[in-house]
PDB file of N, CA and C in Angstrom:
ATOM      1  N   SER A   1      36.711 -37.235  24.930  1.00  0.00           N
ATOM      2  CA  SER A   1      36.579 -36.995  23.498  1.00  0.00           C
ATOM      3  C   SER A   1      36.381 -38.324  22.779  1.00  0.00           C
ATOM      4  N   SER A   2      35.590 -38.317  21.758  1.00  0.00           N
ATOM      5  CA  SER A   2      35.310 -39.561  21.026  1.00  0.00           C
ATOM      6  C   SER A   2      36.242 -39.702  19.836  1.00  0.00           C
ATOM      7  N   TYR A   3      36.339 -40.918  19.352  1.00  0.00           N
ATOM      8  CA  TYR A   3      37.199 -41.197  18.201  1.00  0.00           C
ATOM      9  C   TYR A   3      36.730 -40.426  16.972  1.00  0.00           C
ATOM     10  N   ALA A   4      35.428 -40.358  16.761  1.00  0.00           N
ATOM     11  CA  ALA A   4      34.884 -39.707  15.568  1.00  0.00           C
ATOM     12  C   ALA A   4      35.268 -38.232  15.505  1.00  0.00           C
ATOM     13  N   SER A   5      35.374 -37.582  16.643  1.00  0.00           N
ATOM     14  CA  SER A   5      35.686 -36.153  16.629  1.00  0.00           C
ATOM     15  C   SER A   5      37.163 -35.896  16.342  1.00  0.00           C
ATOM     16  N   THR A   6      38.015 -36.894  16.541  1.00  0.00           N
ATOM     17  CA  THR A   6      39.445 -36.690  16.310  1.00  0.00           C
ATOM     18  C   THR A   6      39.922 -37.327  15.008  1.00  0.00           C
ATOM     19  N   ALA A   7      39.035 -37.983  14.294  1.00  0.00           N
ATOM     20  CA  ALA A   7      39.433 -38.645  13.050  1.00  0.00           C
ATOM     21  C   ALA A   7      39.756 -37.607  11.983  1.00  0.00           C
ATOM     22  N   THR A   8      40.739 -37.910  11.162  1.00  0.00           N
ATOM     23  CA  THR A   8      41.124 -37.027  10.067  1.00  0.00           C
ATOM     24  C   THR A   8      40.206 -37.269   8.877  1.00  0.00           C
ATOM     25  N   ARG A   9      39.781 -36.208   8.254  1.00  0.00           N
ATOM     26  CA  ARG A   9      38.936 -36.344   7.065  1.00  0.00           C
ATOM     27  C   ARG A   9      39.810 -36.570   5.847  1.00  0.00           C
ATOM     28  N   LEU A  10      39.313 -37.382   4.968  1.00  0.00           N
ATOM     29  CA  LEU A  10      40.028 -37.706   3.745  1.00  0.00           C
ATOM     30  C   LEU A  10      39.527 -36.811   2.623  1.00  0.00           C
ATOM     31  N   ASP A  11      40.439 -36.137   1.954  1.00  0.00           N
ATOM     32  CA  ASP A  11      40.064 -35.282   0.822  1.00  0.00           C
ATOM     33  C   ASP A  11      40.160 -36.115  -0.450  1.00  0.00           C
ATOM     34  N   VAL A  12      39.010 -36.534  -0.961  1.00  0.00           N
ATOM     35  CA  VAL A  12      39.008 -37.420  -2.131  1.00  0.00           C
ATOM     36  C   VAL A  12      39.532 -36.732  -3.382  1.00  0.00           C
ATOM     37  N   ARG A  13      39.540 -35.419  -3.402  1.00  0.00           N
ATOM     38  CA  ARG A  13      40.065 -34.701  -4.571  1.00  0.00           C
ATOM     39  C   ARG A  13      41.581 -34.853  -4.685  1.00  0.00           C
ATOM     40  N   ARG A  14      42.226 -35.206  -3.591  1.00  0.00           N
ATOM     41  CA  ARG A  14      43.686 -35.337  -3.605  1.00  0.00           C
ATOM     42  C   ARG A  14      44.159 -36.782  -3.750  1.00  0.00           C
ATOM     43  N   LEU A  15      43.217 -37.689  -3.831  1.00  0.00           N
ATOM     44  CA  LEU A  15      43.594 -39.097  -3.968  1.00  0.00           C
ATOM     45  C   LEU A  15      44.246 -39.347  -5.312  1.00  0.00           C
ATOM     46  N   GLN A  16      45.225 -40.213  -5.304  1.00  0.00           N
ATOM     47  CA  GLN A  16      45.856 -40.633  -6.548  1.00  0.00           C
ATOM     48  C   GLN A  16      45.643 -42.132  -6.693  1.00  0.00           C
ATOM     49  N   LEU A  17      45.054 -42.521  -7.797  1.00  0.00           N
ATOM     50  CA  LEU A  17      44.811 -43.930  -8.063  1.00  0.00           C
ATOM     51  C   LEU A  17      45.863 -44.446  -9.030  1.00  0.00           C
ATOM     52  N   PRO A  18      46.467 -45.571  -8.701  1.00  0.00           N
ATOM     53  CA  PRO A  18      47.449 -46.126  -9.633  1.00  0.00           C
ATOM     54  C   PRO A  18      46.741 -46.581 -10.909  1.00  0.00           C
ATOM     55  N   ARG A  19      47.358 -46.341 -12.038  1.00  0.00           N
ATOM     56  CA  ARG A  19      46.789 -46.755 -13.318  1.00  0.00           C
ATOM     57  C   ARG A  19      47.727 -47.735 -13.989  1.00  0.00           C
ATOM     58  N   LEU A  20      47.150 -48.827 -14.427  1.00  0.00           N
ATOM     59  CA  LEU A  20      47.932 -49.817 -15.157  1.00  0.00           C
ATOM     60  C   LEU A  20      48.019 -49.407 -16.619  1.00  0.00           C
ATOM     61  N   PRO A  21      49.129 -49.731 -17.261  1.00  0.00           N
ATOM     62  CA  PRO A  21      49.207 -49.499 -18.705  1.00  0.00           C
ATOM     63  C   PRO A  21      48.105 -50.295 -19.415  1.00  0.00           C
ATOM     64  N   LEU A  22      47.685 -49.823 -20.575  1.00  0.00           N
ATOM     65  CA  LEU A  22      46.586 -50.436 -21.306  1.00  0.00           C
ATOM     66  C   LEU A  22      46.829 -51.915 -21.592  1.00  0.00           C
ATOM     67  N   ASP A  23      48.048 -52.280 -21.951  1.00  0.00           N
ATOM     68  CA  ASP A  23      48.353 -53.694 -22.218  1.00  0.00           C
ATOM     69  C   ASP A  23      48.137 -54.555 -20.974  1.00  0.00           C
ATOM     70  N   ALA A  24      48.526 -54.044 -19.821  1.00  0.00           N
ATOM     71  CA  ALA A  24      48.326 -54.789 -18.573  1.00  0.00           C
ATOM     72  C   ALA A  24      46.839 -54.901 -18.264  1.00  0.00           C
ATOM     73  N   GLN A  25      46.078 -53.834 -18.512  1.00  0.00           N
ATOM     74  CA  GLN A  25      44.631 -53.883 -18.304  1.00  0.00           C
ATOM     75  C   GLN A  25      43.997 -54.937 -19.200  1.00  0.00           C
ATOM     76  N   ARG A  26      44.444 -54.999 -20.442  1.00  0.00           N
ATOM     77  CA  ARG A  26      43.914 -56.002 -21.372  1.00  0.00           C
ATOM     78  C   ARG A  26      44.239 -57.409 -20.888  1.00  0.00           C
ATOM     79  N   GLY A  27      45.437 -57.585 -20.370  1.00  0.00           N
ATOM     80  CA  GLY A  27      45.823 -58.893 -19.842  1.00  0.00           C
ATOM     81  C   GLY A  27      44.918 -59.325 -18.698  1.00  0.00           C
ATOM     82  N   TYR A  28      44.640 -58.402 -17.787  1.00  0.00           N
ATOM     83  CA  TYR A  28      43.717 -58.711 -16.689  1.00  0.00           C
ATOM     84  C   TYR A  28      42.323 -59.017 -17.234  1.00  0.00           C
ATOM     85  N   GLY A  29      41.875 -58.225 -18.190  1.00  0.00           N
ATOM     86  CA  GLY A  29      40.559 -58.451 -18.782  1.00  0.00           C
ATOM     87  C   GLY A  29      40.460 -59.819 -19.420  1.00  0.00           C
ATOM     88  N   ASP A  30      41.516 -60.213 -20.149  1.00  0.00           N
ATOM     89  CA  ASP A  30      41.537 -61.541 -20.782  1.00  0.00           C
ATOM     90  C   ASP A  30      41.442 -62.642 -19.736  1.00  0.00           C
ATOM     91  N   ARG A  31      42.192 -62.495 -18.662  1.00  0.00           N
ATOM     92  CA  ARG A  31      42.183 -63.518 -17.603  1.00  0.00           C
ATOM     93  C   ARG A  31      40.835 -63.588 -16.895  1.00  0.00           C
ATOM     94  N   PHE A  32      40.243 -62.436 -16.622  1.00  0.00           N
ATOM     95  CA  PHE A  32      38.926 -62.432 -15.973  1.00  0.00           C
ATOM     96  C   PHE A  32      37.877 -63.073 -16.876  1.00  0.00           C
ATOM     97  N   ARG A  33      37.944 -62.790 -18.181  1.00  0.00           N
ATOM     98  CA  ARG A  33      36.995 -63.413 -19.114  1.00  0.00           C
ATOM     99  C   ARG A  33      37.188 -64.919 -19.171  1.00  0.00           C
ATOM    100  N   ALA A  34      38.441 -65.362 -19.227  1.00  0.00           N
ATOM    101  CA  ALA A  34      38.721 -66.801 -19.272  1.00  0.00           C
ATOM    102  C   ALA A  34      38.244 -67.489 -17.994  1.00  0.00           C
ATOM    103  N   LEU A  35      38.462 -66.860 -16.867  1.00  0.00           N
ATOM    104  CA  LEU A  35      38.016 -67.430 -15.597  1.00  0.00           C
ATOM    105  C   LEU A  35      36.492 -67.508 -15.539  1.00  0.00           C
ATOM    106  N   ASP A  36      35.814 -66.495 -16.066  1.00  0.00           N
ATOM    107  CA  ASP A  36      34.352 -66.505 -16.112  1.00  0.00           C
ATOM    108  C   ASP A  36      33.852 -67.638 -17.007  1.00  0.00           C
ATOM    109  N   GLU A  37      34.475 -67.827 -18.162  1.00  0.00           N
ATOM    110  CA  GLU A  37      34.088 -68.921 -19.058  1.00  0.00           C
ATOM    111  C   GLU A  37      34.298 -70.274 -18.386  1.00  0.00           C
ATOM    112  N   PHE A  38      35.403 -70.426 -17.677  1.00  0.00           N
ATOM    113  CA  PHE A  38      35.691 -71.675 -16.972  1.00  0.00           C
ATOM    114  C   PHE A  38      34.636 -71.943 -15.904  1.00  0.00           C
ATOM    115  N   GLU A  39      34.279 -70.901 -15.152  1.00  0.00           N
ATOM    116  CA  GLU A  39      33.262 -71.057 -14.109  1.00  0.00           C
ATOM    117  C   GLU A  39      31.926 -71.468 -14.719  1.00  0.00           C
ATOM    118  N   ARG A  40      31.557 -70.853 -15.836  1.00  0.00           N
ATOM    119  CA  ARG A  40      30.300 -71.208 -16.506  1.00  0.00           C
ATOM    120  C   ARG A  40      30.329 -72.661 -16.970  1.00  0.00           C
ATOM    121  N   ALA A  41      31.465 -73.093 -17.514  1.00  0.00           N
ATOM    122  CA  ALA A  41      31.591 -74.479 -17.969  1.00  0.00           C
ATOM    123  C   ALA A  41      31.479 -75.453 -16.798  1.00  0.00           C
ATOM    124  N   LEU A  42      32.088 -75.120 -15.673  1.00  0.00           N
ATOM    125  CA  LEU A  42      31.982 -75.980 -14.493  1.00  0.00           C
ATOM    126  C   LEU A  42      30.548 -76.077 -13.995  1.00  0.00           C
ATOM    127  N   ARG A  43      29.850 -74.949 -13.990  1.00  0.00           N
ATOM    128  CA  ARG A  43      28.449 -74.964 -13.548  1.00  0.00           C
ATOM    129  C   ARG A  43      27.595 -75.811 -14.492  1.00  0.00           C
ATOM    130  N   LEU A  44      27.831 -75.693 -15.790  1.00  0.00           N
ATOM    131  CA  LEU A  44      27.103 -76.503 -16.764  1.00  0.00           C
ATOM    132  C   LEU A  44      27.409 -77.979 -16.562  1.00  0.00           C
ATOM    133  N   ALA A  45      28.682 -78.312 -16.367  1.00  0.00           N
ATOM    134  CA  ALA A  45      29.060 -79.711 -16.131  1.00  0.00           C
ATOM    135  C   ALA A  45      28.367 -80.252 -14.885  1.00  0.00           C
ATOM    136  N   GLY A  46      28.271 -79.445 -13.854  1.00  0.00           N
ATOM    137  CA  GLY A  46      27.584 -79.867 -12.634  1.00  0.00           C
ATOM    138  C   GLY A  46      26.111 -80.141 -12.882  1.00  0.00           C
ATOM    139  N   ARG A  47      25.459 -79.238 -13.628  1.00  0.00           N
ATOM    140  CA  ARG A  47      24.032 -79.442 -13.930  1.00  0.00           C
ATOM    141  C   ARG A  47      23.825 -80.692 -14.779  1.00  0.00           C
ATOM    142  N   LEU A  48      24.683 -80.890 -15.775  1.00  0.00           N
ATOM    143  CA  LEU A  48      24.561 -82.074 -16.624  1.00  0.00           C
ATOM    144  C   LEU A  48      24.833 -83.345 -15.831  1.00  0.00           C
ATOM    145  N   GLY A  49      25.794 -83.291 -14.919  1.00  0.00           N
ATOM    146  CA  GLY A  49      26.081 -84.443 -14.063  1.00  0.00           C
ATOM    147  C   GLY A  49      24.894 -84.796 -13.181  1.00  0.00           C
ATOM    148  N   GLU A  50      24.237 -83.778 -12.641  1.00  0.00           N
ATOM    149  CA  GLU A  50      23.043 -84.027 -11.818  1.00  0.00           C
ATOM    150  C   GLU A  50      21.944 -84.677 -12.647  1.00  0.00           C
ATOM    151  N   GLN A  51      21.758 -84.209 -13.873  1.00  0.00           N
ATOM    152  CA  GLN A  51      20.744 -84.801 -14.750  1.00  0.00           C
ATOM    153  C   GLN A  51      21.080 -86.259 -15.059  1.00  0.00           C
ATOM    154  N   LEU A  52      22.347 -86.535 -15.304  1.00  0.00           N
ATOM    155  CA  LEU A  52      22.775 -87.902 -15.590  1.00  0.00           C
ATOM    156  C   LEU A  52      22.502 -88.818 -14.404  1.00  0.00           C
ATOM    157  N   VAL A  53      22.859 -88.371 -13.225  1.00  0.00           N
ATOM    158  CA  VAL A  53      22.645 -89.186 -12.023  1.00  0.00           C
ATOM    159  C   VAL A  53      21.156 -89.423 -11.796  1.00  0.00           C
ATOM    160  N   ARG A  54      20.333 -88.374 -11.949  1.00  0.00           N
ATOM    161  CA  ARG A  54      18.883 -88.558 -11.798  1.00  0.00           C
ATOM    162  C   ARG A  54      18.359 -89.563 -12.812  1.00  0.00           C
ATOM    163  N   GLY A  55      18.853 -89.477 -14.043  1.00  0.00           N
ATOM    164  CA  GLY A  55      18.438 -90.426 -15.076  1.00  0.00           C
ATOM    165  C   GLY A  55      18.846 -91.846 -14.744  1.00  0.00           C
ATOM    166  N   MET A  56      20.029 -91.996 -14.171  1.00  0.00           N
ATOM    167  CA  MET A  56      20.480 -93.337 -13.783  1.00  0.00           C
ATOM    168  C   MET A  56      19.620 -93.892 -12.650  1.00  0.00           C
ATOM    169  N   TYR A  57      19.307 -93.058 -11.660  1.00  0.00           N
ATOM    170  CA  TYR A  57      18.407 -93.496 -10.584  1.00  0.00           C
ATOM    171  C   TYR A  57      17.064 -93.930 -11.165  1.00  0.00           C
ATOM    172  N   ASP A  58      16.521 -93.086 -12.033  1.00  0.00           N
ATOM    173  CA  ASP A  58      15.226 -93.408 -12.641  1.00  0.00           C
ATOM    174  C   ASP A  58      15.312 -94.696 -13.447  1.00  0.00           C
ATOM    175  N   GLY A  59      16.385 -94.847 -14.218  1.00  0.00           N
ATOM    176  CA  GLY A  59      16.548 -96.042 -15.038  1.00  0.00           C
ATOM    177  C   GLY A  59      16.681 -97.303 -14.209  1.00  0.00           C
ATOM    178  N   LEU A  60      17.425 -97.226 -13.122  1.00  0.00           N
ATOM    179  CA  LEU A  60      17.542 -98.389 -12.239  1.00  0.00           C
ATOM    180  C   LEU A  60      16.196 -98.721 -11.597  1.00  0.00           C
ATOM    181  N   THR A  61      15.456 -97.683 -11.256  1.00  0.00           N
ATOM    182  CA  THR A  61      14.163 -97.880 -10.601  1.00  0.00           C
ATOM    183  C   THR A  61      13.124 -98.467 -11.554  1.00  0.00           C
ATOM    184  N   ASP A  62      13.078 -97.959 -12.792  1.00  0.00           N
ATOM    185  CA  ASP A  62      12.036 -98.433 -13.711  1.00  0.00           C
ATOM    186  C   ASP A  62      12.483 -99.591 -14.599  1.00  0.00           C
ATOM    187  N   GLY A  63      13.722-100.043 -14.425  1.00  0.00           N
ATOM    188  CA  GLY A  63      14.191-101.218 -15.146  1.00  0.00           C
ATOM    189  C   GLY A  63      14.790-100.949 -16.514  1.00  0.00           C
ATOM    190  N   THR A  64      14.888 -99.696 -16.935  1.00  0.00           N
ATOM    191  CA  THR A  64      15.486 -99.402 -18.241  1.00  0.00           C
ATOM    192  C   THR A  64      17.011 -99.429 -18.197  1.00  0.00           C
ATOM    193  N   VAL A  65      17.586 -99.431 -17.009  1.00  0.00           N
ATOM    194  CA  VAL A  65      19.037 -99.562 -16.837  1.00  0.00           C
ATOM    195  C   VAL A  65      19.281-100.784 -15.966  1.00  0.00           C
ATOM    196  N   ALA A  66      20.121-101.688 -16.483  1.00  0.00           N
ATOM    197  CA  ALA A  66      20.443-102.904 -15.724  1.00  0.00           C
ATOM    198  C   ALA A  66      21.477-102.582 -14.648  1.00  0.00           C
ATOM    199  N   PRO A  67      21.424-103.259 -13.511  1.00  0.00           N
ATOM    200  CA  PRO A  67      22.367-102.976 -12.428  1.00  0.00           C
ATOM    201  C   PRO A  67      23.793-103.456 -12.707  1.00  0.00           C
ATOM    202  N   ASP A  68      23.999-104.231 -13.758  1.00  0.00           N
ATOM    203  CA  ASP A  68      25.356-104.737 -14.026  1.00  0.00           C
ATOM    204  C   ASP A  68      26.034-104.074 -15.169  1.00  0.00           C
TER     205      ASP A  68
END
């Protein structure tokens, strides 16, 4: 006999999902939004840092930035 033939079927109509109180849901939502904003800011800082470094390389190469 195979495993698939002996597996128990799950009745999704009988499932119970835990529900958080509305205040707790709002708290999670606030934290997820704040984390998303932080991630966006980090990505922007990374892009700006890359632009700065490229500009410094270019400036050193073309003489517009002194090495000292």
